[in-house]
C-alpha atoms as a PDB file:
ATOM      1  CA  MET A   1      48.012  -2.650  -2.534  1.00  0.00           C
ATOM      2  CA  ILE A   2      44.907  -1.076  -4.118  1.00  0.00           C
ATOM      3  CA  ARG A   3      42.751  -3.784  -2.519  1.00  0.00           C
ATOM      4  CA  PHE A   4      44.200  -2.968   0.896  1.00  0.00           C
ATOM      5  CA  ALA A   5      43.568   0.765   0.378  1.00  0.00           C
ATOM      6  CA  THR A   6      39.954   0.051  -0.649  1.00  0.00           C
ATOM      7  CA  LYS A   7      39.379  -2.100   2.432  1.00  0.00           C
ATOM      8  CA  LEU A   8      41.042   0.513   4.624  1.00  0.00           C
ATOM      9  CA  GLY A   9      38.804   3.206   3.104  1.00  0.00           C
ATOM     10  CA  PHE A  10      35.737   1.070   3.764  1.00  0.00           C
ATOM     11  CA  VAL A  11      36.766   0.478   7.387  1.00  0.00           C
ATOM     12  CA  ALA A  12      37.415   4.200   7.874  1.00  0.00           C
ATOM     13  CA  ALA A  13      33.997   5.091   6.406  1.00  0.00           C
ATOM     14  CA  ALA A  14      32.248   2.517   8.602  1.00  0.00           C
ATOM     15  CA  GLY A  15      34.059   3.871  11.658  1.00  0.00           C
ATOM     16  CA  ALA A  16      33.009   7.413  10.802  1.00  0.00           C
ATOM     17  CA  LEU A  17      29.375   6.293  10.560  1.00  0.00           C
ATOM     18  CA  LEU A  18      29.583   4.610  13.961  1.00  0.00           C
ATOM     19  CA  LEU A  19      31.082   7.735  15.513  1.00  0.00           C
ATOM     20  CA  ALA A  20      28.397   9.918  13.934  1.00  0.00           C
ATOM     21  CA  GLY A  21      25.707   7.625  15.339  1.00  0.00           C
ATOM     22  CA  ALA A  22      27.291   7.741  18.786  1.00  0.00           C
ATOM     23  CA  ALA A  23      27.439  11.539  18.624  1.00  0.00           C
ATOM     24  CA  ALA A  24      23.764  11.702  17.671  1.00  0.00           C
ATOM     25  CA  ASP A  25      22.894   9.456  20.631  1.00  0.00           C
ATOM     26  CA  ALA A  26      24.955  11.665  22.946  1.00  0.00           C
ATOM     27  CA  ARG A  27      22.560  14.591  22.423  1.00  0.00           C
ATOM     28  CA  PRO A  28      20.048  14.782  25.259  1.00  0.00           C
ATOM     29  CA  ARG A  29      16.671  13.420  24.229  1.00  0.00           C
ATOM     30  CA  LEU A  30      13.681  15.668  24.878  1.00  0.00           C
ATOM     31  CA  THR A  31      11.253  14.537  27.555  1.00  0.00           C
ATOM     32  CA  GLY A  32       7.620  13.964  26.603  1.00  0.00           C
ATOM     33  CA  GLU A  33       6.634  17.317  28.094  1.00  0.00           C
ATOM     34  CA  GLU A  34       9.400  19.077  26.156  1.00  0.00           C
ATOM     35  CA  GLN A  35       8.322  17.372  22.909  1.00  0.00           C
ATOM     36  CA  LEU A  36       4.729  18.442  23.517  1.00  0.00           C
ATOM     37  CA  ALA A  37       5.752  22.034  24.295  1.00  0.00           C
ATOM     38  CA  LYS A  38       7.765  22.167  21.063  1.00  0.00           C
ATOM     39  CA  LEU A  39       4.805  20.815  19.078  1.00  0.00           C
ATOM     40  CA  LEU A  40       2.421  23.369  20.629  1.00  0.00           C
ATOM     41  CA  ASP A  41       4.763  26.337  20.224  1.00  0.00           C
ATOM     42  CA  GLY A  42       2.863  29.223  18.603  1.00  0.00           C
ATOM     43  CA  ARG A  43      -0.544  27.575  19.113  1.00  0.00           C
ATOM     44  CA  VAL A  44      -3.402  28.653  21.345  1.00  0.00           C
ATOM     45  CA  ALA A  45      -5.518  26.263  23.419  1.00  0.00           C
ATOM     46  CA  GLY A  46      -9.255  26.235  22.839  1.00  0.00           C
ATOM     47  CA  LYS A  47     -12.115  24.988  24.994  1.00  0.00           C
ATOM     48  CA  PRO A  48     -11.775  21.252  25.744  1.00  0.00           C
ATOM     49  CA  VAL A  49     -14.259  18.955  23.990  1.00  0.00           C
ATOM     50  CA  ASN A  50     -15.546  15.520  24.979  1.00  0.00           C
ATOM     51  CA  CYS A  51     -15.356  13.963  21.479  1.00  0.00           C
ATOM     52  CA  ILE A  52     -13.669  14.378  18.121  1.00  0.00           C
ATOM     53  CA  THR A  53     -15.015  13.093  14.809  1.00  0.00           C
ATOM     54  CA  LEU A  54     -12.666  10.424  13.485  1.00  0.00           C
ATOM     55  CA  ARG A  55     -13.359  11.030   9.798  1.00  0.00           C
ATOM     56  CA  ASN A  56     -11.775  14.476  10.270  1.00  0.00           C
ATOM     57  CA  VAL A  57      -8.637  13.086  11.929  1.00  0.00           C
ATOM     58  CA  GLN A  58      -5.771  13.002   9.450  1.00  0.00           C
ATOM     59  CA  SER A  59      -2.947  11.894  11.751  1.00  0.00           C
ATOM     60  CA  SER A  60      -2.113  10.690  15.219  1.00  0.00           C
ATOM     61  CA  GLN A  61       1.106  10.773  17.182  1.00  0.00           C
ATOM     62  CA  VAL A  62       2.042   9.286  20.529  1.00  0.00           C
ATOM     63  CA  ILE A  63       4.324  11.326  22.748  1.00  0.00           C
ATOM     64  CA  ASP A  64       6.103   9.044  25.196  1.00  0.00           C
ATOM     65  CA  LYS A  65       4.525   8.897  28.657  1.00  0.00           C
ATOM     66  CA  THR A  66       2.640  12.150  28.004  1.00  0.00           C
ATOM     67  CA  ALA A  67      -0.115  12.458  25.394  1.00  0.00           C
ATOM     68  CA  ILE A  68      -1.705  11.418  22.122  1.00  0.00           C
ATOM     69  CA  ILE A  69      -1.940  14.065  19.412  1.00  0.00           C
ATOM     70  CA  TYR A  70      -4.717  13.928  16.795  1.00  0.00           C
ATOM     71  CA  GLY A  71      -4.303  16.173  13.752  1.00  0.00           C
ATOM     72  CA  SER A  72      -7.390  17.567  12.022  1.00  0.00           C
ATOM     73  CA  GLY A  73      -6.610  20.184   9.396  1.00  0.00           C
ATOM     74  CA  SER A  74      -4.946  23.173  11.061  1.00  0.00           C
ATOM     75  CA  THR A  75      -6.162  22.041  14.503  1.00  0.00           C
ATOM     76  CA  ILE A  76      -4.395  19.536  16.678  1.00  0.00           C
ATOM     77  CA  TYR A  77      -6.150  17.889  19.599  1.00  0.00           C
ATOM     78  CA  VAL A  78      -4.104  16.985  22.651  1.00  0.00           C
ATOM     79  CA  GLN A  79      -5.323  13.967  24.568  1.00  0.00           C
ATOM     80  CA  ARG A  80      -3.809  13.606  28.029  1.00  0.00           C
ATOM     81  CA  PRO A  81      -5.239  10.310  29.254  1.00  0.00           C
ATOM     82  CA  LYS A  82      -6.956  10.095  32.667  1.00  0.00           C
ATOM     83  CA  SER A  83      -4.989   6.950  33.394  1.00  0.00           C
ATOM     84  CA  GLY A  84      -2.271   4.903  31.736  1.00  0.00           C
ATOM     85  CA  ALA A  85      -0.254   7.797  30.291  1.00  0.00           C
ATOM     86  CA  SER A  86       2.940   6.270  31.687  1.00  0.00           C
ATOM     87  CA  SER A  87       2.366   3.349  29.267  1.00  0.00           C
ATOM     88  CA  LEU A  88       2.410   5.591  26.179  1.00  0.00           C
ATOM     89  CA  ASP A  89       5.271   4.768  23.834  1.00  0.00           C
ATOM     90  CA  SER A  90       5.852   6.341  20.408  1.00  0.00           C
ATOM     91  CA  ASN A  91       6.594   2.858  19.024  1.00  0.00           C
ATOM     92  CA  ASP A  92       3.127   1.558  19.871  1.00  0.00           C
ATOM     93  CA  ILE A  93       0.074   1.266  17.648  1.00  0.00           C
ATOM     94  CA  LEU A  94      -3.199   2.663  18.985  1.00  0.00           C
ATOM     95  CA  VAL A  95      -6.188   0.297  18.796  1.00  0.00           C
ATOM     96  CA  THR A  96      -9.662   1.611  19.573  1.00  0.00           C
ATOM     97  CA  GLN A  97     -12.998  -0.163  19.276  1.00  0.00           C
ATOM     98  CA  LEU A  98     -15.721   2.382  18.602  1.00  0.00           C
ATOM     99  CA  THR A  99     -19.493   2.162  18.392  1.00  0.00           C
ATOM    100  CA  THR A 100     -19.900   5.602  16.774  1.00  0.00           C
ATOM    101  CA  SER A 101     -17.894   7.757  14.381  1.00  0.00           C
ATOM    102  CA  GLN A 102     -16.448   9.721  17.275  1.00  0.00           C
ATOM    103  CA  LEU A 103     -13.617   9.157  19.693  1.00  0.00           C
ATOM    104  CA  CYS A 104     -14.752  10.319  23.120  1.00  0.00           C
ATOM    105  CA  ASN A 105     -13.448  10.882  26.623  1.00  0.00           C
ATOM    106  CA  ILE A 106     -15.189   7.692  27.797  1.00  0.00           C
ATOM    107  CA  ASP A 107     -13.265   5.489  25.337  1.00  0.00           C
ATOM    108  CA  ILE A 108     -10.302   3.262  26.118  1.00  0.00           C
ATOM    109  CA  VAL A 109      -7.378   2.918  23.713  1.00  0.00           C
ATOM    110  CA  GLN A 110      -5.272  -0.238  23.680  1.00  0.00           C
ATOM    111  CA  LEU A 111      -1.541  -0.017  23.065  1.00  0.00           C
ATOM    112  CA  ARG A 112      -0.028  -2.710  20.844  1.00  0.00           C
ATOM    113  CA  ASP A 113       3.613  -3.375  20.120  1.00  0.00           C
ATOM    114  CA  ARG A 114       4.464  -2.358  16.540  1.00  0.00           C
ATOM    115  CA  ASN A 115       6.639  -5.424  15.920  1.00  0.00           C
ATOM    116  CA  GLY A 116       4.967  -8.321  17.715  1.00  0.00           C
ATOM    117  CA  TRP A 117       1.436  -6.882  17.988  1.00  0.00           C
ATOM    118  CA  PHE A 118       1.288  -7.983  21.626  1.00  0.00           C
ATOM    119  CA  PHE A 119      -0.813  -6.029  24.129  1.00  0.00           C
ATOM    120  CA  ARG A 120       1.256  -3.422  26.022  1.00  0.00           C
ATOM    121  CA  GLY A 121      -1.432  -1.695  28.063  1.00  0.00           C
ATOM    122  CA  SER A 122      -4.298   0.741  27.683  1.00  0.00           C
ATOM    123  CA  VAL A 123      -5.192   4.341  28.423  1.00  0.00           C
ATOM    124  CA  SER A 124      -8.492   5.887  29.531  1.00  0.00           C
ATOM    125  CA  LEU A 125      -9.179   9.019  27.558  1.00  0.00           C
ATOM    126  CA  ASP A 126      -9.979  12.444  28.973  1.00  0.00           C
ATOM    127  CA  GLN A 127     -11.197  15.595  27.225  1.00  0.00           C
ATOM    128  CA  PHE A 128      -9.498  16.663  23.989  1.00  0.00           C
ATOM    129  CA  VAL A 129      -7.906  20.119  24.015  1.00  0.00           C
ATOM    130  CA  PRO A 130      -7.862  21.773  20.563  1.00  0.00           C
ATOM    131  CA  TYR A 131      -4.853  23.906  19.652  1.00  0.00           C
ATOM    132  CA  THR A 132      -4.832  26.267  16.680  1.00  0.00           C
ATOM    133  CA  LYS A 133      -2.464  28.871  15.333  1.00  0.00           C
ATOM    134  CA  PRO A 134      -3.788  32.379  15.895  1.00  0.00           C
ATOM    135  CA  ALA A 135      -5.062  34.202  12.827  1.00  0.00           C
ATOM    136  CA  LYS A 136      -2.604  36.705  11.403  1.00  0.00           C
ATOM    137  CA  VAL A 137      -3.786  40.289  11.642  1.00  0.00           C
ATOM    138  CA  ALA A 138      -3.319  42.326   8.463  1.00  0.00           C
ATOM    139  CA  PHE A 139      -2.598  45.995   8.915  1.00  0.00           C
ATOM    140  CA  ALA A 140      -3.944  48.494   6.364  1.00  0.00           C
ATOM    141  CA  ASN A 141      -1.621  51.236   5.152  1.00  0.00           C
END
């Protein structure tokens, strides 16, 4: 009888996990534009630049069908490709062949599948738009 109760408890727990997963999937997923807007909330756009120095880049993130984000300290650079943005997938790995230490708006980035490493497409880069958080103003008493 105890064995049956243990199995029943296990089945109930597994069922609860499946239902929780289904509920999580039922939530509407943000579009690429909505994800980008959420990421940029509270930040101010600066003047677009043609290149960024790769040694200063600490992170990169692909936003599905929208943009590539490069993090550099407190600044994030938004790269909205000239062409190929519809190929962007957050599961892809970015592969870039550079001749200098900078990533520029004339470069092309290949998209590779994370699991099989097969070629999925490429994007032609455009200017990089820096976004920073505005400096807090201190008021004197």
